[in-house]
């Protein structure tokens, strides 16, 4: 029983920390991130249609359902961070 109480407390702490971090993100930034996720999803779905029609040669790797990971990773970068595409 004791371990479950610890887990519940940790969940509450994580949620509280998450809420504090979310308060620091502007609504405009959140909307921009959401729009980016939609753009990625729509692009992937279009590519998938083209693959099914045989219009895109080779292999593709769709990221449907993983858009938030991509957008979140980029959003966490600082202007002076280096990354390689």
N, C-alpha and C. Protein backbone atom coordinates (compact mmCIF):
# COMPACT_ATOMS: atom_id res chain seq x y z
N UNK A 1 0.81 -1.20 0.00
CA UNK A 1 0.00 0.00 0.00
C UNK A 1 0.85 1.27 0.00
N UNK A 2 1.94 1.24 0.73
CA UNK A 2 2.77 2.42 0.88
C UNK A 2 3.33 2.89 -0.47
N UNK A 3 3.75 1.95 -1.32
CA UNK A 3 4.31 2.31 -2.62
C UNK A 3 3.28 3.05 -3.48
N UNK A 4 2.01 2.67 -3.37
CA UNK A 4 0.97 3.34 -4.16
C UNK A 4 0.77 4.79 -3.71
N UNK A 5 0.92 5.04 -2.42
CA UNK A 5 0.82 6.42 -1.92
C UNK A 5 1.96 7.26 -2.46
N UNK A 6 3.17 6.68 -2.51
CA UNK A 6 4.32 7.39 -3.05
C UNK A 6 4.09 7.72 -4.52
N UNK A 7 3.61 6.74 -5.27
CA UNK A 7 3.35 6.94 -6.70
C UNK A 7 2.31 8.04 -6.89
N UNK A 8 1.25 8.04 -6.12
CA UNK A 8 0.22 9.07 -6.23
C UNK A 8 0.79 10.45 -5.92
N UNK A 9 1.64 10.56 -4.90
CA UNK A 9 2.25 11.84 -4.57
C UNK A 9 3.14 12.32 -5.71
N UNK A 10 3.90 11.40 -6.30
CA UNK A 10 4.76 11.76 -7.42
C UNK A 10 3.95 12.25 -8.60
N UNK A 11 2.84 11.59 -8.87
CA UNK A 11 1.97 12.02 -9.97
C UNK A 11 1.46 13.44 -9.74
N UNK A 12 1.06 13.73 -8.51
CA UNK A 12 0.57 15.07 -8.19
C UNK A 12 1.67 16.10 -8.35
N UNK A 13 2.88 15.77 -7.89
CA UNK A 13 4.00 16.70 -8.03
C UNK A 13 4.33 16.94 -9.49
N UNK A 14 4.35 15.87 -10.29
CA UNK A 14 4.64 16.02 -11.71
C UNK A 14 3.58 16.89 -12.38
N UNK A 15 2.32 16.69 -12.02
CA UNK A 15 1.25 17.50 -12.60
C UNK A 15 1.42 18.97 -12.20
N UNK A 16 1.76 19.22 -10.94
CA UNK A 16 1.94 20.60 -10.48
C UNK A 16 3.10 21.26 -11.21
N UNK A 17 4.20 20.52 -11.40
CA UNK A 17 5.34 21.06 -12.14
C UNK A 17 4.96 21.33 -13.58
N UNK A 18 4.20 20.42 -14.17
CA UNK A 18 3.75 20.58 -15.55
C UNK A 18 2.88 21.83 -15.67
N UNK A 19 1.97 22.04 -14.72
CA UNK A 19 1.10 23.22 -14.75
C UNK A 19 1.91 24.51 -14.67
N UNK A 20 2.93 24.52 -13.83
CA UNK A 20 3.77 25.71 -13.71
C UNK A 20 4.48 26.01 -15.02
N UNK A 21 4.99 24.97 -15.67
CA UNK A 21 5.68 25.16 -16.94
C UNK A 21 4.71 25.64 -18.02
N UNK A 22 3.51 25.10 -18.03
CA UNK A 22 2.52 25.48 -19.03
C UNK A 22 2.10 26.93 -18.87
N UNK A 23 2.09 27.43 -17.64
CA UNK A 23 1.70 28.82 -17.41
C UNK A 23 2.70 29.79 -18.04
N UNK A 24 3.92 29.33 -18.26
CA UNK A 24 4.96 30.19 -18.83
C UNK A 24 4.91 30.24 -20.36
N UNK A 25 4.06 29.44 -20.96
CA UNK A 25 3.96 29.41 -22.42
C UNK A 25 2.74 30.23 -22.83
N UNK A 26 2.97 31.18 -23.72
CA UNK A 26 1.87 32.06 -24.13
C UNK A 26 0.85 31.30 -24.97
N UNK A 27 -0.35 31.84 -25.01
CA UNK A 27 -1.40 31.22 -25.82
C UNK A 27 -1.02 31.24 -27.30
N UNK A 28 -0.34 32.30 -27.73
CA UNK A 28 0.10 32.38 -29.13
C UNK A 28 1.10 31.27 -29.46
N UNK A 29 2.02 31.02 -28.52
CA UNK A 29 3.01 29.96 -28.73
C UNK A 29 2.32 28.59 -28.78
N UNK A 30 1.38 28.36 -27.87
CA UNK A 30 0.65 27.09 -27.86
C UNK A 30 -0.14 26.91 -29.15
N UNK A 31 -0.76 27.98 -29.62
CA UNK A 31 -1.52 27.90 -30.86
C UNK A 31 -0.59 27.62 -32.03
N UNK A 32 0.57 28.26 -32.05
CA UNK A 32 1.55 28.02 -33.10
C UNK A 32 2.02 26.56 -33.08
N UNK A 33 2.25 26.03 -31.90
CA UNK A 33 2.67 24.63 -31.77
C UNK A 33 1.58 23.69 -32.28
N UNK A 34 0.34 23.99 -31.92
CA UNK A 34 -0.78 23.17 -32.37
C UNK A 34 -0.91 23.21 -33.90
N UNK A 35 -0.77 24.40 -34.46
CA UNK A 35 -0.84 24.53 -35.92
C UNK A 35 0.28 23.73 -36.60
N UNK A 36 1.47 23.74 -36.00
CA UNK A 36 2.58 22.96 -36.54
C UNK A 36 2.26 21.47 -36.50
N UNK A 37 1.63 21.02 -35.41
CA UNK A 37 1.25 19.61 -35.33
C UNK A 37 0.23 19.26 -36.41
N UNK A 38 -0.72 20.16 -36.64
CA UNK A 38 -1.70 19.93 -37.70
C UNK A 38 -1.05 19.89 -39.08
N UNK A 39 -0.09 20.80 -39.31
CA UNK A 39 0.63 20.82 -40.59
C UNK A 39 1.37 19.50 -40.83
N UNK A 40 2.04 19.02 -39.79
CA UNK A 40 2.77 17.76 -39.90
C UNK A 40 1.80 16.61 -40.20
N UNK A 41 0.68 16.58 -39.47
CA UNK A 41 -0.30 15.50 -39.67
C UNK A 41 -0.85 15.54 -41.09
N UNK A 42 -1.25 16.73 -41.57
CA UNK A 42 -1.81 16.85 -42.91
C UNK A 42 -0.80 16.48 -43.98
N UNK A 43 0.45 16.88 -43.79
CA UNK A 43 1.51 16.52 -44.74
C UNK A 43 1.68 15.01 -44.79
N UNK A 44 1.77 14.38 -43.63
CA UNK A 44 1.94 12.93 -43.59
C UNK A 44 0.78 12.20 -44.24
N UNK A 45 -0.44 12.66 -43.99
CA UNK A 45 -1.61 12.00 -44.58
C UNK A 45 -1.59 12.16 -46.11
N UNK A 46 -1.18 13.33 -46.59
CA UNK A 46 -1.09 13.55 -48.03
C UNK A 46 -0.01 12.66 -48.65
N UNK A 47 1.14 12.58 -48.00
CA UNK A 47 2.22 11.71 -48.50
C UNK A 47 1.73 10.27 -48.53
N UNK A 48 1.02 9.85 -47.51
CA UNK A 48 0.50 8.48 -47.46
C UNK A 48 -0.43 8.21 -48.64
N UNK A 49 -1.28 9.17 -48.97
CA UNK A 49 -2.17 9.01 -50.14
C UNK A 49 -1.35 8.87 -51.41
N UNK A 50 -0.32 9.69 -51.56
CA UNK A 50 0.51 9.63 -52.76
C UNK A 50 1.29 8.32 -52.85
N UNK A 51 1.73 7.80 -51.72
CA UNK A 51 2.42 6.51 -51.70
C UNK A 51 1.47 5.41 -52.16
N UNK A 52 0.26 5.44 -51.66
CA UNK A 52 -0.73 4.41 -52.03
C UNK A 52 -1.06 4.45 -53.52
N UNK A 53 -0.97 5.63 -54.12
CA UNK A 53 -1.24 5.77 -55.55
C UNK A 53 -0.01 5.46 -56.40
N UNK A 54 1.11 5.20 -55.74
CA UNK A 54 2.34 4.91 -56.45
C UNK A 54 3.03 6.15 -57.00
N UNK A 55 2.71 7.30 -56.47
CA UNK A 55 3.27 8.55 -56.97
C UNK A 55 4.53 8.99 -56.22
N UNK A 56 4.85 8.31 -55.13
CA UNK A 56 6.06 8.61 -54.37
C UNK A 56 6.93 7.36 -54.37
N UNK A 57 8.09 7.44 -55.01
CA UNK A 57 8.96 6.26 -55.07
C UNK A 57 9.70 6.05 -53.75
N UNK A 58 10.10 4.84 -53.52
CA UNK A 58 10.89 4.53 -52.34
C UNK A 58 10.02 4.32 -51.11
N UNK A 59 10.68 4.39 -49.97
CA UNK A 59 9.99 4.14 -48.71
C UNK A 59 9.69 5.46 -48.00
N UNK A 60 8.67 5.44 -47.20
CA UNK A 60 8.34 6.60 -46.38
C UNK A 60 8.16 6.14 -44.94
N UNK A 61 8.39 7.05 -44.04
CA UNK A 61 8.14 6.79 -42.62
C UNK A 61 7.24 7.90 -42.11
N UNK A 62 6.00 7.55 -41.85
CA UNK A 62 5.04 8.55 -41.39
C UNK A 62 5.16 8.74 -39.89
N UNK A 63 4.84 9.92 -39.44
CA UNK A 63 4.92 10.20 -38.00
C UNK A 63 3.54 10.55 -37.43
N UNK A 64 2.50 9.97 -38.02
CA UNK A 64 1.15 10.22 -37.52
C UNK A 64 1.06 9.70 -36.08
N UNK A 65 0.63 10.58 -35.19
CA UNK A 65 0.53 10.24 -33.78
C UNK A 65 1.77 10.65 -32.99
N UNK A 66 2.80 11.12 -33.66
CA UNK A 66 4.03 11.52 -32.99
C UNK A 66 4.35 13.00 -33.20
N UNK A 67 3.38 13.75 -33.67
CA UNK A 67 3.60 15.15 -34.01
C UNK A 67 4.04 15.99 -32.80
N UNK A 68 3.46 15.72 -31.65
CA UNK A 68 3.78 16.51 -30.46
C UNK A 68 5.24 16.34 -30.05
N UNK A 69 5.78 15.14 -30.24
CA UNK A 69 7.19 14.92 -29.89
C UNK A 69 8.09 15.78 -30.75
N UNK A 70 7.79 15.85 -32.04
CA UNK A 70 8.60 16.66 -32.96
C UNK A 70 8.49 18.15 -32.62
N UNK A 71 7.28 18.61 -32.47
CA UNK A 71 7.05 20.03 -32.21
C UNK A 71 7.60 20.42 -30.83
N UNK A 72 7.39 19.58 -29.85
CA UNK A 72 7.88 19.86 -28.50
C UNK A 72 9.40 19.92 -28.43
N UNK A 73 10.05 19.02 -29.16
CA UNK A 73 11.52 19.02 -29.16
C UNK A 73 12.07 20.31 -29.75
N UNK A 74 11.48 20.76 -30.84
CA UNK A 74 11.94 21.99 -31.46
C UNK A 74 11.58 23.20 -30.60
N UNK A 75 10.41 23.18 -29.99
CA UNK A 75 9.99 24.31 -29.16
C UNK A 75 10.89 24.49 -27.93
N UNK A 76 11.51 23.42 -27.49
CA UNK A 76 12.36 23.49 -26.30
C UNK A 76 13.75 24.04 -26.59
N UNK A 77 14.08 24.20 -27.87
CA UNK A 77 15.41 24.70 -28.22
C UNK A 77 15.53 26.19 -27.91
N UNK A 78 16.72 26.58 -27.57
CA UNK A 78 17.04 28.00 -27.38
C UNK A 78 17.61 28.55 -28.68
N UNK A 79 17.54 29.86 -28.88
CA UNK A 79 18.05 30.44 -30.13
C UNK A 79 19.52 30.13 -30.39
N UNK A 80 20.30 29.92 -29.33
CA UNK A 80 21.73 29.65 -29.54
C UNK A 80 22.07 28.16 -29.57
N UNK A 81 21.06 27.29 -29.54
CA UNK A 81 21.28 25.84 -29.64
C UNK A 81 21.62 25.46 -31.07
N UNK A 82 22.47 24.46 -31.21
CA UNK A 82 22.81 23.94 -32.52
C UNK A 82 22.12 22.61 -32.73
N UNK A 83 21.62 22.40 -33.92
CA UNK A 83 21.05 21.10 -34.26
C UNK A 83 21.30 20.81 -35.73
N UNK A 84 21.27 19.56 -36.05
CA UNK A 84 21.58 19.11 -37.41
C UNK A 84 20.36 18.43 -38.00
N UNK A 85 19.99 18.80 -39.19
CA UNK A 85 18.81 18.22 -39.84
C UNK A 85 19.24 17.15 -40.81
